[in-house]
Protein backbone atom coordinates (compact mmCIF):
# COMPACT_ATOMS: atom_id res chain seq x y z
CA MET A 1 -176.52 134.78 61.83
CA PRO A 2 -179.49 134.92 64.82
CA ASN A 3 -180.23 131.84 66.66
CA SER A 4 -183.68 130.26 66.38
CA LYS A 5 -184.94 131.76 69.67
CA ALA A 6 -184.50 135.48 68.32
CA ILE A 7 -185.95 134.68 65.01
CA VAL A 8 -189.00 133.35 66.91
CA ARG A 9 -189.16 136.11 69.15
CA ALA A 10 -188.99 138.68 66.21
CA THR A 11 -191.49 136.92 63.88
CA GLY A 12 -193.77 135.27 66.19
CA ASN A 13 -193.31 131.96 64.11
CA VAL A 14 -190.58 129.24 64.04
CA SER A 15 -188.35 128.78 61.03
CA PRO A 16 -188.94 125.98 58.85
CA LEU A 17 -186.50 123.66 59.91
CA LEU A 18 -187.24 124.44 63.76
CA ALA A 19 -190.83 123.82 62.85
CA LEU A 20 -190.11 120.46 61.11
CA ALA A 21 -187.82 119.39 64.18
CA ILE A 22 -190.59 120.02 66.50
CA SER A 23 -193.68 118.74 64.98
CA GLY A 24 -191.89 115.53 63.35
CA GLY A 25 -189.91 114.75 66.56
CA ALA A 26 -193.27 115.24 68.96
CA VAL A 27 -195.30 113.03 66.46
CA LEU A 28 -192.42 110.61 66.16
CA ALA A 29 -191.82 110.91 70.21
CA SER A 30 -195.69 110.00 70.66
CA GLY A 31 -195.68 107.17 68.27
CA LEU A 32 -192.57 105.28 69.94
CA LEU A 33 -194.20 105.81 73.27
CA ALA A 34 -197.60 104.36 72.29
CA ARG A 35 -195.58 101.33 70.90
CA ARG A 36 -194.43 100.43 74.75
CA SER A 37 -198.00 99.29 75.01
CA ALA A 38 -199.00 98.00 71.85
CA PRO A 39 -200.38 94.52 71.37
CA GLU A 40 -197.24 93.67 68.83
CA PRO A 41 -194.85 90.61 69.09
CA GLN A 42 -192.63 92.38 71.30
CA HIS A 43 -195.41 92.25 74.01
CA PRO A 44 -197.14 88.83 73.75
CA ASP A 45 -198.88 89.10 77.23
CA ILE A 46 -200.55 92.56 75.83
CA GLN A 47 -200.99 90.81 72.32
CA ARG A 48 -202.88 87.75 73.79
CA TRP A 49 -205.04 89.70 76.09
CA TYR A 50 -206.24 92.10 73.34
CA HIS A 51 -206.69 88.85 70.90
CA HIS A 52 -208.73 87.29 73.59
CA LEU A 53 -211.32 90.13 73.87
CA ASP A 54 -214.56 90.00 72.28
CA LYS A 55 -214.43 92.20 69.47
CA PRO A 56 -217.12 93.71 67.00
CA ASP A 57 -217.05 92.31 63.32
CA PHE A 58 -216.19 95.82 61.76
CA VAL A 59 -212.78 95.94 64.02
CA PRO A 60 -210.32 96.50 61.07
CA PRO A 61 -207.32 93.43 61.05
CA ASP A 62 -204.30 94.50 62.91
CA PRO A 63 -202.12 95.49 59.84
CA VAL A 64 -204.61 98.29 58.74
CA PHE A 65 -204.38 99.88 62.50
CA GLY A 66 -200.64 100.60 61.55
CA ALA A 67 -201.22 101.64 58.08
CA VAL A 68 -204.07 104.28 59.33
CA TRP A 69 -202.00 105.47 61.83
CA GLY A 70 -198.97 105.90 59.80
CA VAL A 71 -201.04 108.13 57.54
CA LEU A 72 -202.86 109.80 60.42
CA GLU A 73 -199.60 110.92 62.39
CA SER A 74 -197.84 112.21 59.08
CA LEU A 75 -200.87 114.58 58.68
CA LEU A 76 -200.88 115.68 62.52
CA ALA A 77 -196.73 116.59 61.76
CA TYR A 78 -197.74 118.25 58.82
CA GLY A 79 -200.50 120.31 60.39
CA GLY A 80 -198.09 120.72 63.73
CA TYR A 81 -195.49 122.16 61.00
CA ARG A 82 -198.01 124.60 59.62
CA LEU A 83 -199.33 126.03 62.66
CA LEU A 84 -195.87 126.67 63.78
CA ARG A 85 -195.25 128.60 60.89
CA HIS A 86 -198.09 131.03 61.43
CA PRO A 87 -197.50 134.08 63.52
CA ALA A 88 -198.00 133.50 67.23
CA THR A 89 -201.50 134.75 68.02
CA PRO A 90 -204.03 133.34 70.66
CA THR A 91 -205.58 131.82 68.17
CA ARG A 92 -202.93 129.93 66.50
CA ASN A 93 -201.47 129.21 70.40
CA ARG A 94 -204.88 127.62 71.15
CA ALA A 95 -204.78 125.64 67.90
CA LEU A 96 -201.26 124.60 68.59
CA GLY A 97 -202.10 123.49 72.12
CA LEU A 98 -204.74 121.16 71.01
CA TRP A 99 -202.53 120.11 68.73
CA GLY A 100 -199.48 119.28 71.56
CA PHE A 101 -202.70 117.67 73.44
CA ASN A 102 -203.72 115.48 70.66
CA ILE A 103 -200.02 114.38 70.26
CA ALA A 104 -199.65 113.78 73.67
CA MET A 105 -203.06 111.64 73.79
CA ILE A 106 -201.87 109.25 71.24
CA SER A 107 -199.01 108.11 73.39
CA VAL A 108 -201.34 107.94 76.56
CA TRP A 109 -204.23 105.87 75.09
CA PRO A 110 -202.70 102.49 74.31
CA ARG A 111 -201.08 102.63 78.21
CA LEU A 112 -204.85 103.03 79.19
CA PHE A 113 -206.34 100.46 77.18
CA PHE A 114 -203.65 97.69 76.58
CA GLY A 115 -201.02 98.87 79.30
CA GLU A 116 -203.79 98.82 81.93
CA ARG A 117 -205.69 96.18 80.17
CA SER A 118 -208.80 98.54 81.08
CA VAL A 119 -211.63 98.61 78.25
CA ARG A 120 -213.28 101.21 80.39
CA SER A 121 -210.17 103.50 80.45
CA GLY A 122 -209.82 103.07 76.81
CA PHE A 123 -213.17 104.01 75.86
CA LEU A 124 -213.17 106.95 78.07
CA GLY A 125 -209.78 107.71 76.69
CA SER A 126 -211.28 107.57 73.11
CA LEU A 127 -214.20 110.07 74.09
CA LEU A 128 -211.48 112.55 75.61
CA MET A 129 -209.74 112.04 72.21
CA LEU A 130 -212.56 112.46 69.95
CA GLY A 131 -213.45 115.80 71.86
CA SER A 132 -209.94 117.20 71.67
CA GLY A 133 -209.57 116.03 68.17
CA ILE A 134 -212.64 117.93 66.82
CA ALA A 135 -211.91 120.90 69.12
CA TYR A 136 -208.36 120.82 67.38
CA VAL A 137 -210.27 120.79 63.86
CA ALA A 138 -212.53 123.65 64.52
CA SER A 139 -209.41 125.32 66.24
CA ALA A 140 -207.13 125.26 63.31
CA ARG A 141 -209.68 126.31 60.96
CA ARG A 142 -209.51 129.58 62.39
CA VAL A 143 -205.88 129.64 61.58
CA ASP A 144 -205.54 127.49 58.44
CA LYS A 145 -207.89 125.78 56.61
CA VAL A 146 -205.30 123.40 55.35
CA VAL A 147 -204.31 122.21 58.57
CA ALA A 148 -208.30 122.02 59.41
CA ALA A 149 -208.45 119.74 56.37
CA THR A 150 -205.56 117.49 57.00
CA SER A 151 -207.07 117.18 60.55
CA LEU A 152 -210.55 115.62 59.60
CA PRO A 153 -209.38 112.29 58.93
CA PHE A 154 -207.72 111.86 62.30
CA ALA A 155 -211.15 113.40 63.82
CA ALA A 156 -213.12 110.99 61.46
CA TRP A 157 -210.71 108.24 62.78
CA LEU A 158 -211.23 108.77 66.36
CA GLY A 159 -215.08 108.84 65.86
CA PHE A 160 -214.61 105.33 64.58
CA ALA A 161 -212.44 104.30 67.26
CA SER A 162 -214.83 105.93 69.87
CA VAL A 163 -217.75 103.29 68.38
CA VAL A 164 -215.31 100.46 68.63
CA SER A 165 -213.75 101.31 72.28
CA GLU A 166 -217.63 101.48 73.16
CA GLU A 167 -218.65 98.30 71.65
CA VAL A 168 -215.33 96.44 73.08
CA TRP A 169 -216.09 97.90 76.82
CA ARG A 170 -219.97 96.87 76.09
CA ARG A 171 -218.73 92.99 75.60
CA ASN A 172 -215.89 93.15 78.12
CA GLU A 173 -216.78 95.04 80.94
CA ASP A 174 -213.91 95.86 83.42
C-alpha cells in the first residue's frame, strides 16, 4: 500500500484520514495554545484583569464564549478537512493558506489581548482576524461553497468580536 505522501503527490489532495488528522489536529492545537492565555480559573491574574475591564453591556457572559468557540472551531476543522480533500490548485492552496492563518491567529489573539494585557493589541488583532476571516470565506467560496457557508459564522463572530474589542479599547486605553 502506498504511503500518504505518494497519495498526495499522485492525486493532489490528501486521504480522508490524513485530512482529518491535519485539520482536527491544527484546530485542537490552536485551541490548546489559546487557552494558555485565557481568563480561566487556571490563570487567576488574567481572569482578574479581564473582569476588571470596563466592558459594554453587549459582551456575552463567559460561558457563551466557550460554547461559541467550540462550534466555530468544529466548523473550521470541517472546512479544513474539505479543502484538503480537494485537488491541489492555486485557488485551493490560497484558501488553505488563509484557513491556516486563521487557525494560527486563534492561538495568537489571546496572547495579544490577555497575555500581554493589551486592549489595543487585542483590537488590532481582531481587525486582522476579521480581514483574514473575510478573505478566507471569499477564497473558500471559489473552491467549495459548503466550506464558505460553514465559515460564515466564523467571519460573523469576528465582526462582532471586533466591535467588542474596539469598545473595550475605547473604554480602557492602554
